[in-house]
Amino acid sequence: MIVRSKLLRAVLLAATLGTAAAVHAATPPINYADHWQNSSEPGWGLGLTQNADVLFGVLYIYDTGQLPTWYASTLDFASENGGVRSYTGTLYKTAGPALGQPFDPSLVTYTAVGTMTIAFADDAHGLLTYTISGYGATKNITRFTYAANSIAGEYMGSTSDVTYNCANPSRNGEVTNDPGPFTIAVENGEMVMRFPTCTVNGTFTQQGQIGQVEGNYGCSHGGNGTIKFTGLRSEKGGIVGSYTGRDDFSCSFRGNLGGMRKLQ
């Protein structure tokens, strides 16, 4: 029994270490799920959903006869170069039963008509390139905002960041966490984020389902500098996002924010 217990503990320890290594090695993908558009070209758009690092896109545009039509593509991660993440896939046109008729799956057809690629410069801007039956187009796209999405609230969570590009190289790699309750609110026309030891004052910009806050911060320990939160996504359960900044001690830093929404 003792031998079996030791063996079981050894197996569990090995499995735990292996899982931890796998979790640590995997880089979570950016969430691009949203409705995307080119604001200077109303009337067409791109809807994206996402599972893991695979996107499913539905492109609705006008065909060569100026008739509205839509195409779909499953886009796999292709490459990352200089912070630009690219996804690509085959573009399909589908056809099926007419409106008002019983659904007959035998009438559904899928025809490959070209390719679609999206290169994301960040989590709110991309370059869409597609070809359809020999015709091609390249469009700048951004997330479509059609209703206000507030990030204000009371949360329980933490920020966590690491320094890099420090004037004093010995400070590179310093990790700072700021756990505890925090609040986000609009005060006197600006967004104020109060964490346990630091406060951020900045400007909020909504980008579809996400938003960003760019401004300055000050901390009780004397640290000050500039900061930019991106990919802020607030939902019923809480808020997540990332940030970058530069402190007055000549260090850059990058980190993540996460918090559970406090129940009232």
C-alpha atoms as a PDB file:
ATOM      1  CA  MET A   1       0.000   0.000   0.000  1.00  0.00           C
ATOM      2  CA  ILE A   2       2.841   2.366   0.874  1.00  0.00           C
ATOM      3  CA  VAL A   3       4.640   1.512  -2.363  1.00  0.00           C
ATOM      4  CA  ARG A   4       1.456   2.124  -4.353  1.00  0.00           C
ATOM      5  CA  SER A   5       0.919   5.454  -2.581  1.00  0.00           C
ATOM      6  CA  LYS A   6       4.452   6.566  -3.364  1.00  0.00           C
ATOM      7  CA  LEU A   7       4.040   5.459  -6.973  1.00  0.00           C
ATOM      8  CA  LEU A   8       0.723   7.324  -7.264  1.00  0.00           C
ATOM      9  CA  ARG A   9       2.261  10.488  -5.802  1.00  0.00           C
ATOM     10  CA  ALA A  10       5.157  10.211  -8.232  1.00  0.00           C
ATOM     11  CA  VAL A  11       2.807   9.797 -11.205  1.00  0.00           C
ATOM     12  CA  LEU A  12       0.641  12.709 -10.067  1.00  0.00           C
ATOM     13  CA  LEU A  13       3.703  14.908  -9.534  1.00  0.00           C
ATOM     14  CA  ALA A  14       5.035  14.088 -12.999  1.00  0.00           C
ATOM     15  CA  ALA A  15       1.632  14.791 -14.552  1.00  0.00           C
ATOM     16  CA  THR A  16       1.334  18.064 -12.655  1.00  0.00           C
ATOM     17  CA  LEU A  17       4.793  19.216 -13.712  1.00  0.00           C
ATOM     18  CA  GLY A  18       4.091  18.233 -17.308  1.00  0.00           C
ATOM     19  CA  THR A  19       0.778  20.080 -17.312  1.00  0.00           C
ATOM     20  CA  ALA A  20       2.329  23.134 -15.692  1.00  0.00           C
ATOM     21  CA  ALA A  21       5.082  23.183 -18.295  1.00  0.00           C
ATOM     22  CA  ALA A  22       2.549  22.870 -21.097  1.00  0.00           C
ATOM     23  CA  VAL A  23       0.375  25.635 -19.642  1.00  0.00           C
ATOM     24  CA  HIS A  24       3.383  27.891 -19.173  1.00  0.00           C
ATOM     25  CA  ALA A  25       4.644  27.253 -22.691  1.00  0.00           C
ATOM     26  CA  ALA A  26       1.330  27.995 -24.410  1.00  0.00           C
ATOM     27  CA  THR A  27       0.729  31.655 -25.235  1.00  0.00           C
ATOM     28  CA  PRO A  28      -2.985  32.510 -25.042  1.00  0.00           C
ATOM     29  CA  PRO A  29      -4.232  34.023 -28.305  1.00  0.00           C
ATOM     30  CA  ILE A  30      -5.632  37.537 -28.596  1.00  0.00           C
ATOM     31  CA  ASN A  31      -9.429  37.580 -28.770  1.00  0.00           C
ATOM     32  CA  TYR A  32     -10.414  39.065 -32.138  1.00  0.00           C
ATOM     33  CA  ALA A  33     -14.092  38.071 -31.964  1.00  0.00           C
ATOM     34  CA  ASP A  34     -16.138  41.092 -33.002  1.00  0.00           C
ATOM     35  CA  HIS A  35     -17.775  42.833 -35.928  1.00  0.00           C
ATOM     36  CA  TRP A  36     -15.187  44.535 -38.173  1.00  0.00           C
ATOM     37  CA  GLN A  37     -15.563  47.245 -40.807  1.00  0.00           C
ATOM     38  CA  ASN A  38     -13.924  50.005 -42.794  1.00  0.00           C
ATOM     39  CA  SER A  39     -15.600  53.142 -41.440  1.00  0.00           C
ATOM     40  CA  SER A  40     -15.190  55.009 -44.736  1.00  0.00           C
ATOM     41  CA  GLU A  41     -16.963  52.234 -46.698  1.00  0.00           C
ATOM     42  CA  PRO A  42     -20.400  51.584 -45.146  1.00  0.00           C
ATOM     43  CA  GLY A  43     -22.522  48.707 -46.379  1.00  0.00           C
ATOM     44  CA  TRP A  44     -20.112  45.802 -46.029  1.00  0.00           C
ATOM     45  CA  GLY A  45     -18.416  44.139 -43.094  1.00  0.00           C
ATOM     46  CA  LEU A  46     -16.770  41.111 -41.537  1.00  0.00           C
ATOM     47  CA  GLY A  47     -17.991  39.111 -38.569  1.00  0.00           C
ATOM     48  CA  LEU A  48     -15.388  37.111 -36.636  1.00  0.00           C
ATOM     49  CA  THR A  49     -15.876  34.419 -34.025  1.00  0.00           C
ATOM     50  CA  GLN A  50     -12.993  32.579 -32.404  1.00  0.00           C
ATOM     51  CA  ASN A  51     -12.126  29.265 -30.757  1.00  0.00           C
ATOM     52  CA  ALA A  52      -8.578  29.037 -29.384  1.00  0.00           C
ATOM     53  CA  ASP A  53      -6.349  30.488 -32.140  1.00  0.00           C
ATOM     54  CA  VAL A  54      -8.726  29.674 -35.023  1.00  0.00           C
ATOM     55  CA  LEU A  55     -11.043  32.326 -36.488  1.00  0.00           C
ATOM     56  CA  PHE A  56     -14.269  31.852 -38.396  1.00  0.00           C
ATOM     57  CA  GLY A  57     -15.090  34.816 -40.612  1.00  0.00           C
ATOM     58  CA  VAL A  58     -18.261  35.742 -42.490  1.00  0.00           C
ATOM     59  CA  LEU A  59     -17.699  38.426 -45.122  1.00  0.00           C
ATOM     60  CA  TYR A  60     -20.731  40.209 -46.512  1.00  0.00           C
ATOM     61  CA  ILE A  61     -20.081  42.364 -49.575  1.00  0.00           C
ATOM     62  CA  TYR A  62     -21.557  43.171 -52.992  1.00  0.00           C
ATOM     63  CA  ASP A  63     -20.798  40.981 -56.003  1.00  0.00           C
ATOM     64  CA  THR A  64     -19.888  42.115 -59.507  1.00  0.00           C
ATOM     65  CA  GLY A  65     -23.569  42.721 -60.190  1.00  0.00           C
ATOM     66  CA  GLN A  66     -23.880  44.935 -57.071  1.00  0.00           C
ATOM     67  CA  LEU A  67     -25.995  42.295 -55.355  1.00  0.00           C
ATOM     68  CA  PRO A  68     -25.400  41.584 -51.660  1.00  0.00           C
ATOM     69  CA  THR A  69     -23.728  38.240 -50.979  1.00  0.00           C
ATOM     70  CA  TRP A  70     -21.673  36.617 -48.278  1.00  0.00           C
ATOM     71  CA  TYR A  71     -18.688  34.310 -48.004  1.00  0.00           C
ATOM     72  CA  ALA A  72     -17.202  32.313 -45.143  1.00  0.00           C
ATOM     73  CA  SER A  73     -13.740  31.137 -44.172  1.00  0.00           C
ATOM     74  CA  THR A  74     -12.016  29.278 -41.361  1.00  0.00           C
ATOM     75  CA  LEU A  75      -8.776  31.140 -40.759  1.00  0.00           C
ATOM     76  CA  ASP A  76      -5.811  29.416 -39.139  1.00  0.00           C
ATOM     77  CA  PHE A  77      -2.941  31.230 -37.482  1.00  0.00           C
ATOM     78  CA  ALA A  78      -0.215  31.625 -40.114  1.00  0.00           C
ATOM     79  CA  SER A  79       2.605  33.737 -38.697  1.00  0.00           C
ATOM     80  CA  GLU A  80       3.700  36.528 -36.365  1.00  0.00           C
ATOM     81  CA  ASN A  81       6.242  39.087 -37.514  1.00  0.00           C
ATOM     82  CA  GLY A  82       7.092  42.261 -35.632  1.00  0.00           C
ATOM     83  CA  GLY A  83       3.965  41.966 -33.507  1.00  0.00           C
ATOM     84  CA  VAL A  84       1.695  41.528 -36.567  1.00  0.00           C
ATOM     85  CA  ARG A  85      -0.327  38.323 -36.301  1.00  0.00           C
ATOM     86  CA  SER A  86      -1.640  36.854 -39.561  1.00  0.00           C
ATOM     87  CA  TYR A  87      -4.458  34.374 -40.166  1.00  0.00           C
ATOM     88  CA  THR A  88      -5.401  32.838 -43.502  1.00  0.00           C
ATOM     89  CA  GLY A  89      -7.897  30.416 -45.011  1.00  0.00           C
ATOM     90  CA  THR A  90      -9.891  29.356 -48.062  1.00  0.00           C
ATOM     91  CA  LEU A  91     -12.920  31.503 -48.860  1.00  0.00           C
ATOM     92  CA  TYR A  92     -16.179  29.679 -49.640  1.00  0.00           C
ATOM     93  CA  LYS A  93     -19.489  30.689 -51.164  1.00  0.00           C
ATOM     94  CA  THR A  94     -22.459  28.674 -49.977  1.00  0.00           C
ATOM     95  CA  ALA A  95     -25.926  28.124 -51.383  1.00  0.00           C
ATOM     96  CA  GLY A  96     -28.969  26.373 -49.987  1.00  0.00           C
ATOM     97  CA  PRO A  97     -32.764  26.142 -49.756  1.00  0.00           C
ATOM     98  CA  ALA A  98     -34.711  29.278 -50.676  1.00  0.00           C
ATOM     99  CA  LEU A  99     -36.324  31.489 -48.047  1.00  0.00           C
ATOM    100  CA  GLY A 100     -39.753  30.246 -46.988  1.00  0.00           C
ATOM    101  CA  GLN A 101     -39.154  26.657 -48.099  1.00  0.00           C
ATOM    102  CA  PRO A 102     -38.541  23.589 -45.897  1.00  0.00           C
ATOM    103  CA  PHE A 103     -34.861  23.132 -45.175  1.00  0.00           C
ATOM    104  CA  ASP A 104     -33.364  20.469 -47.416  1.00  0.00           C
ATOM    105  CA  PRO A 105     -29.710  19.771 -46.476  1.00  0.00           C
ATOM    106  CA  SER A 106     -29.115  18.132 -49.872  1.00  0.00           C
ATOM    107  CA  LEU A 107     -29.425  21.586 -51.469  1.00  0.00           C
ATOM    108  CA  VAL A 108     -26.531  23.031 -49.427  1.00  0.00           C
ATOM    109  CA  THR A 109     -23.363  23.486 -51.488  1.00  0.00           C
ATOM    110  CA  TYR A 110     -19.901  24.858 -50.719  1.00  0.00           C
ATOM    111  CA  THR A 111     -17.764  26.329 -53.468  1.00  0.00           C
ATOM    112  CA  ALA A 112     -14.160  27.476 -52.925  1.00  0.00           C
ATOM    113  CA  VAL A 113     -13.839  30.871 -54.607  1.00  0.00           C
ATOM    114  CA  GLY A 114     -10.549  32.245 -53.250  1.00  0.00           C
ATOM    115  CA  THR A 115      -8.620  33.040 -50.100  1.00  0.00           C
ATOM    116  CA  MET A 116      -8.826  35.453 -47.183  1.00  0.00           C
ATOM    117  CA  THR A 117      -6.016  36.735 -44.971  1.00  0.00           C
ATOM    118  CA  ILE A 118      -6.158  39.110 -42.011  1.00  0.00           C
ATOM    119  CA  ALA A 119      -3.001  40.699 -40.585  1.00  0.00           C
ATOM    120  CA  PHE A 120      -3.685  42.247 -37.170  1.00  0.00           C
ATOM    121  CA  ALA A 121      -1.352  45.096 -36.185  1.00  0.00           C
ATOM    122  CA  ASP A 122      -2.920  45.072 -32.711  1.00  0.00           C
ATOM    123  CA  ASP A 123      -6.149  43.900 -31.087  1.00  0.00           C
ATOM    124  CA  ALA A 124      -8.275  46.610 -32.739  1.00  0.00           C
ATOM    125  CA  HIS A 125      -6.799  47.145 -36.233  1.00  0.00           C
ATOM    126  CA  GLY A 126      -6.204  44.801 -39.135  1.00  0.00           C
ATOM    127  CA  LEU A 127      -5.477  44.541 -42.844  1.00  0.00           C
ATOM    128  CA  LEU A 128      -7.969  42.352 -44.710  1.00  0.00           C
ATOM    129  CA  THR A 129      -6.928  40.835 -48.056  1.00  0.00           C
ATOM    130  CA  TYR A 130      -9.182  38.554 -50.086  1.00  0.00           C
ATOM    131  CA  THR A 131      -9.620  37.151 -53.592  1.00  0.00           C
ATOM    132  CA  ILE A 132     -12.938  36.015 -55.065  1.00  0.00           C
ATOM    133  CA  SER A 133     -13.090  34.362 -58.486  1.00  0.00           C
ATOM    134  CA  GLY A 134     -10.073  36.271 -59.731  1.00  0.00           C
ATOM    135  CA  TYR A 135     -11.019  39.619 -58.197  1.00  0.00           C
ATOM    136  CA  GLY A 136      -9.018  40.925 -55.235  1.00  0.00           C
ATOM    137  CA  ALA A 137      -9.250  43.595 -52.550  1.00  0.00           C
ATOM    138  CA  THR A 138      -7.214  44.892 -49.631  1.00  0.00           C
ATOM    139  CA  LYS A 139      -8.992  46.818 -46.863  1.00  0.00           C
ATOM    140  CA  ASN A 140      -8.016  48.384 -43.558  1.00  0.00           C
ATOM    141  CA  ILE A 141     -10.472  47.227 -40.905  1.00  0.00           C
ATOM    142  CA  THR A 142     -11.302  48.204 -37.337  1.00  0.00           C
ATOM    143  CA  ARG A 143     -13.757  46.935 -34.750  1.00  0.00           C
ATOM    144  CA  PHE A 144     -17.270  48.300 -35.193  1.00  0.00           C
ATOM    145  CA  THR A 145     -18.707  50.255 -32.252  1.00  0.00           C
ATOM    146  CA  TYR A 146     -22.485  50.663 -32.276  1.00  0.00           C
ATOM    147  CA  ALA A 147     -23.370  50.887 -28.563  1.00  0.00           C
ATOM    148  CA  ALA A 148     -21.608  52.109 -25.411  1.00  0.00           C
ATOM    149  CA  ASN A 149     -19.866  49.393 -23.409  1.00  0.00           C
ATOM    150  CA  SER A 150     -18.889  50.652 -19.960  1.00  0.00           C
ATOM    151  CA  ILE A 151     -15.920  49.191 -18.098  1.00  0.00           C
ATOM    152  CA  ALA A 152     -16.829  50.994 -14.855  1.00  0.00           C
ATOM    153  CA  GLY A 153     -17.327  48.881 -11.765  1.00  0.00           C
ATOM    154  CA  GLU A 154     -15.914  47.417  -8.571  1.00  0.00           C
ATOM    155  CA  TYR A 155     -13.633  44.424  -9.002  1.00  0.00           C
ATOM    156  CA  MET A 156     -11.482  41.984  -7.059  1.00  0.00           C
ATOM    157  CA  GLY A 157      -8.299  40.965  -8.852  1.00  0.00           C
ATOM    158  CA  SER A 158      -4.809  42.147  -9.682  1.00  0.00           C
ATOM    159  CA  THR A 159      -2.407  43.697 -12.125  1.00  0.00           C
ATOM    160  CA  SER A 160       0.808  41.830 -12.932  1.00  0.00           C
ATOM    161  CA  ASP A 161       3.683  43.208 -14.995  1.00  0.00           C
ATOM    162  CA  VAL A 162       7.353  42.739 -15.828  1.00  0.00           C
ATOM    163  CA  THR A 163      10.019  45.329 -16.664  1.00  0.00           C
ATOM    164  CA  TYR A 164      12.188  45.442 -19.799  1.00  0.00           C
ATOM    165  CA  ASN A 165      14.428  47.914 -21.676  1.00  0.00           C
ATOM    166  CA  CYS A 166      15.590  49.438 -18.396  1.00  0.00           C
ATOM    167  CA  ALA A 167      18.336  52.052 -18.344  1.00  0.00           C
ATOM    168  CA  ASN A 168      19.850  49.904 -15.601  1.00  0.00           C
ATOM    169  CA  PRO A 169      19.870  46.385 -17.102  1.00  0.00           C
ATOM    170  CA  SER A 170      19.855  44.816 -13.640  1.00  0.00           C
ATOM    171  CA  ARG A 171      16.219  45.929 -13.294  1.00  0.00           C
ATOM    172  CA  ASN A 172      15.068  44.023 -16.369  1.00  0.00           C
ATOM    173  CA  GLY A 173      12.691  41.187 -15.508  1.00  0.00           C
ATOM    174  CA  GLU A 174      11.342  42.641 -12.268  1.00  0.00           C
ATOM    175  CA  VAL A 175       7.795  41.372 -11.671  1.00  0.00           C
ATOM    176  CA  THR A 176       5.255  43.539  -9.835  1.00  0.00           C
ATOM    177  CA  ASN A 177       1.798  42.431  -8.685  1.00  0.00           C
ATOM    178  CA  ASP A 178      -0.876  44.672  -7.191  1.00  0.00           C
ATOM    179  CA  PRO A 179      -3.608  42.337  -5.869  1.00  0.00           C
ATOM    180  CA  GLY A 180      -6.801  43.327  -4.130  1.00  0.00           C
ATOM    181  CA  PRO A 181     -10.003  45.261  -4.743  1.00  0.00           C
ATOM    182  CA  PHE A 182      -9.979  47.970  -7.406  1.00  0.00           C
ATOM    183  CA  THR A 183     -12.462  50.348  -8.996  1.00  0.00           C
ATOM    184  CA  ILE A 184     -12.922  51.892 -12.428  1.00  0.00           C
ATOM    185  CA  ALA A 185     -15.060  55.008 -12.770  1.00  0.00           C
ATOM    186  CA  VAL A 186     -15.557  58.140 -14.855  1.00  0.00           C
ATOM    187  CA  GLU A 187     -14.656  61.229 -12.847  1.00  0.00           C
ATOM    188  CA  ASN A 188     -14.682  64.752 -14.261  1.00  0.00           C
ATOM    189  CA  GLY A 189     -14.716  63.441 -17.806  1.00  0.00           C
ATOM    190  CA  GLU A 190     -11.768  61.042 -17.492  1.00  0.00           C
ATOM    191  CA  MET A 191     -11.400  57.374 -16.628  1.00  0.00           C
ATOM    192  CA  VAL A 192      -9.957  56.769 -13.160  1.00  0.00           C
ATOM    193  CA  MET A 193      -8.668  53.297 -12.268  1.00  0.00           C
ATOM    194  CA  ARG A 194      -7.859  52.912  -8.564  1.00  0.00           C
ATOM    195  CA  PHE A 195      -5.762  49.867  -7.720  1.00  0.00           C
ATOM    196  CA  PRO A 196      -4.517  49.020  -4.193  1.00  0.00           C
ATOM    197  CA  THR A 197      -1.228  50.954  -4.558  1.00  0.00           C
ATOM    198  CA  CYS A 198      -1.539  52.809  -7.891  1.00  0.00           C
ATOM    199  CA  THR A 199      -4.048  55.136  -9.564  1.00  0.00           C
ATOM    200  CA  VAL A 200      -4.443  55.674 -13.303  1.00  0.00           C
ATOM    201  CA  ASN A 201      -6.008  58.779 -14.867  1.00  0.00           C
ATOM    202  CA  GLY A 202      -6.652  58.548 -18.585  1.00  0.00           C
ATOM    203  CA  THR A 203      -8.889  58.721 -21.613  1.00  0.00           C
ATOM    204  CA  PHE A 204     -11.172  55.816 -22.506  1.00  0.00           C
ATOM    205  CA  THR A 205     -11.714  54.855 -26.152  1.00  0.00           C
ATOM    206  CA  GLN A 206     -14.172  52.129 -27.078  1.00  0.00           C
ATOM    207  CA  GLN A 207     -13.269  49.773 -29.936  1.00  0.00           C
ATOM    208  CA  GLY A 208     -16.184  47.436 -30.581  1.00  0.00           C
ATOM    209  CA  GLN A 209     -16.407  44.921 -27.739  1.00  0.00           C
ATOM    210  CA  ILE A 210     -13.143  46.132 -26.207  1.00  0.00           C
ATOM    211  CA  GLY A 211     -11.652  49.450 -25.144  1.00  0.00           C
ATOM    212  CA  GLN A 212      -8.428  51.168 -24.191  1.00  0.00           C
ATOM    213  CA  VAL A 213      -7.371  53.633 -21.506  1.00  0.00           C
ATOM    214  CA  GLU A 214      -4.315  55.803 -22.114  1.00  0.00           C
ATOM    215  CA  GLY A 215      -2.914  58.203 -19.545  1.00  0.00           C
ATOM    216  CA  ASN A 216      -0.662  58.575 -16.514  1.00  0.00           C
ATOM    217  CA  TYR A 217      -0.294  56.716 -13.250  1.00  0.00           C
ATOM    218  CA  GLY A 218       1.013  57.407  -9.774  1.00  0.00           C
ATOM    219  CA  CYS A 219       1.745  54.927  -6.984  1.00  0.00           C
ATOM    220  CA  SER A 220       1.980  55.187  -3.202  1.00  0.00           C
ATOM    221  CA  HIS A 221       5.546  53.840  -3.346  1.00  0.00           C
ATOM    222  CA  GLY A 222       6.589  56.841  -5.456  1.00  0.00           C
ATOM    223  CA  GLY A 223       6.454  55.331  -8.920  1.00  0.00           C
ATOM    224  CA  ASN A 224       4.981  57.451 -11.713  1.00  0.00           C
ATOM    225  CA  GLY A 225       4.821  57.293 -15.487  1.00  0.00           C
ATOM    226  CA  THR A 226       2.714  56.738 -18.577  1.00  0.00           C
ATOM    227  CA  ILE A 227       0.510  53.726 -19.228  1.00  0.00           C
ATOM    228  CA  LYS A 228      -1.822  52.331 -21.881  1.00  0.00           C
ATOM    229  CA  PHE A 229      -4.395  49.604 -21.264  1.00  0.00           C
ATOM    230  CA  THR A 230      -5.609  47.729 -24.355  1.00  0.00           C
ATOM    231  CA  GLY A 231      -8.069  44.944 -25.050  1.00  0.00           C
ATOM    232  CA  LEU A 232     -10.177  45.879 -22.033  1.00  0.00           C
ATOM    233  CA  ARG A 233     -13.191  43.594 -22.118  1.00  0.00           C
ATOM    234  CA  SER A 234     -15.829  43.994 -19.413  1.00  0.00           C
ATOM    235  CA  GLU A 235     -18.603  41.435 -19.008  1.00  0.00           C
ATOM    236  CA  LYS A 236     -20.985  40.194 -16.343  1.00  0.00           C
ATOM    237  CA  GLY A 237     -18.304  38.207 -14.551  1.00  0.00           C
ATOM    238  CA  GLY A 238     -15.500  40.750 -14.609  1.00  0.00           C
ATOM    239  CA  ILE A 239     -12.831  42.459 -16.683  1.00  0.00           C
ATOM    240  CA  VAL A 240      -9.606  41.489 -18.475  1.00  0.00           C
ATOM    241  CA  GLY A 241      -7.011  43.432 -20.430  1.00  0.00           C
ATOM    242  CA  SER A 242      -3.331  44.078 -21.034  1.00  0.00           C
ATOM    243  CA  TYR A 243      -1.130  47.128 -20.645  1.00  0.00           C
ATOM    244  CA  THR A 244       2.246  48.655 -21.433  1.00  0.00           C
ATOM    245  CA  GLY A 245       3.981  51.662 -19.980  1.00  0.00           C
ATOM    246  CA  ARG A 246       7.126  53.526 -19.004  1.00  0.00           C
ATOM    247  CA  ASP A 247       8.073  54.568 -15.484  1.00  0.00           C
ATOM    248  CA  ASP A 248      10.074  57.501 -14.205  1.00  0.00           C
ATOM    249  CA  PHE A 249      12.913  55.127 -13.334  1.00  0.00           C
ATOM    250  CA  SER A 250      13.606  54.569 -17.072  1.00  0.00           C
ATOM    251  CA  CYS A 251      12.030  51.134 -17.341  1.00  0.00           C
ATOM    252  CA  SER A 252       9.365  49.942 -19.745  1.00  0.00           C
ATOM    253  CA  PHE A 253       6.874  47.361 -18.533  1.00  0.00           C
ATOM    254  CA  ARG A 254       4.122  45.139 -19.905  1.00  0.00           C
ATOM    255  CA  GLY A 255       1.447  43.300 -18.017  1.00  0.00           C
ATOM    256  CA  ASN A 256      -2.071  41.968 -17.642  1.00  0.00           C
ATOM    257  CA  LEU A 257      -5.144  43.024 -15.695  1.00  0.00           C
ATOM    258  CA  GLY A 258      -7.875  40.728 -14.439  1.00  0.00           C
ATOM    259  CA  GLY A 259     -10.702  41.134 -11.982  1.00  0.00           C
ATOM    260  CA  MET A 260     -13.949  39.514 -10.890  1.00  0.00           C
ATOM    261  CA  ARG A 261     -16.888  41.882 -10.680  1.00  0.00           C
ATOM    262  CA  LYS A 262     -17.968  42.340  -7.057  1.00  0.00           C
ATOM    263  CA  LEU A 263     -21.580  41.373  -6.393  1.00  0.00           C
ATOM    264  CA  GLN A 264     -23.731  44.162  -5.029  1.00  0.00           C
END
